[in-house]
Amino acid sequence: MRKPMEKPGPDRKKKPFMRRKVCRFCTDKKLDIDYKNPKILRYFITERGKIIPRRISGNCAKHQRQVTVALKRARNIAILPFTTAVR
């Protein structure tokens, strides 16, 4: 036997409210995206060395592009690693 379809009602679960992430570079104009500053760039790579996407980091498109270029430059001159050396 089939169960009757449930009607959407007040007891139906709602999605929790997620606060919209704000670009930290837009809010704080003093912060500068620079490939020579690994302290800031470390927030935008995972422990495996991947670049964190915009939807997770909360950056705007303009600053995410700048962060990506800075990360790639820092990797090329060996300020940041490409990957972790775990085997």
Protein backbone atom coordinates (compact mmCIF):
# COMPACT_ATOMS: atom_id res chain seq x y z
CA MET A 1 0.00 0.00 0.00
CA ARG A 2 1.11 3.51 -0.73
CA LYS A 3 1.18 6.22 1.87
CA PRO A 4 -0.81 9.32 1.06
CA MET A 5 1.28 12.32 0.08
CA GLU A 6 2.08 14.63 2.93
CA LYS A 7 0.66 18.09 2.69
CA PRO A 8 3.05 20.97 3.23
CA GLY A 9 2.12 22.45 6.55
CA PRO A 10 3.50 24.29 9.53
CA ASP A 11 5.34 21.20 10.79
CA ARG A 12 7.44 20.97 7.63
CA LYS A 13 11.16 21.61 8.22
CA LYS A 14 12.54 24.93 7.04
CA LYS A 15 16.06 25.63 5.90
CA PRO A 16 18.12 27.37 8.58
CA PHE A 17 18.89 31.02 7.88
CA MET A 18 22.43 31.39 6.62
CA ARG A 19 24.08 34.77 7.00
CA ARG A 20 25.40 36.10 3.70
CA LYS A 21 29.17 36.17 3.65
CA VAL A 22 30.75 39.55 3.04
CA CYS A 23 33.96 40.14 1.16
CA ARG A 24 36.63 41.02 3.71
CA PHE A 25 38.55 43.08 1.18
CA CYS A 26 35.52 45.24 0.35
CA THR A 27 34.74 45.92 4.01
CA ASP A 28 38.31 46.62 5.11
CA LYS A 29 40.00 48.87 2.55
CA LYS A 30 43.34 48.64 4.39
CA LEU A 31 43.71 44.94 3.58
CA ASP A 32 45.78 44.48 0.47
CA ILE A 33 45.97 41.36 -1.67
CA ASP A 34 49.67 40.78 -2.20
CA TYR A 35 51.47 37.62 -3.27
CA LYS A 36 54.27 38.42 -0.81
CA ASN A 37 51.94 38.19 2.21
CA PRO A 38 51.37 34.50 3.01
CA LYS A 39 49.47 35.25 6.24
CA ILE A 40 46.47 36.57 4.35
CA LEU A 41 46.71 34.08 1.50
CA ARG A 42 46.71 31.05 3.84
CA TYR A 43 43.01 31.68 4.58
CA PHE A 44 42.17 31.01 0.95
CA ILE A 45 43.79 27.60 0.48
CA THR A 46 42.80 24.28 2.00
CA GLU A 47 45.19 22.08 3.94
CA ARG A 48 45.62 20.05 0.75
CA GLY A 49 46.66 23.17 -1.19
CA LYS A 50 43.49 23.81 -3.18
CA ILE A 51 42.10 27.31 -3.67
CA ILE A 52 38.89 27.85 -1.70
CA PRO A 53 35.99 28.81 -4.00
CA ARG A 54 34.22 32.13 -3.83
CA ARG A 55 30.94 30.73 -2.51
CA ILE A 56 32.76 29.38 0.55
CA SER A 57 35.29 32.16 1.17
CA GLY A 58 32.71 34.92 0.74
CA ASN A 59 34.85 37.07 -1.54
CA CYS A 60 33.34 39.14 -4.31
CA ALA A 61 34.25 38.16 -7.88
CA LYS A 62 36.77 40.97 -8.31
CA HIS A 63 38.72 40.12 -5.17
CA GLN A 64 38.49 36.36 -5.73
CA ARG A 65 40.24 36.83 -9.07
CA GLN A 66 42.96 38.90 -7.38
CA VAL A 67 43.38 36.29 -4.63
CA THR A 68 43.70 33.52 -7.22
CA VAL A 69 46.39 35.37 -9.15
CA ALA A 70 48.27 36.19 -5.92
CA LEU A 71 48.13 32.54 -4.80
CA LYS A 72 49.47 31.31 -8.11
CA ARG A 73 52.31 33.84 -8.04
CA ALA A 74 53.19 32.93 -4.44
CA ARG A 75 53.29 29.25 -5.40
CA ASN A 76 55.58 29.90 -8.35
CA ILE A 77 58.18 31.70 -6.26
CA ALA A 78 57.87 29.11 -3.43
CA ILE A 79 56.25 31.29 -0.77
CA LEU A 80 53.30 28.87 -0.61
CA PRO A 81 53.37 25.13 -1.38
CA PHE A 82 51.51 23.62 -4.31
CA THR A 83 50.43 20.63 -2.20
CA THR A 84 51.18 19.04 1.14
CA ALA A 85 53.94 16.44 1.28
CA VAL A 86 51.89 13.70 2.96
CA ARG A 87 52.22 10.12 1.69
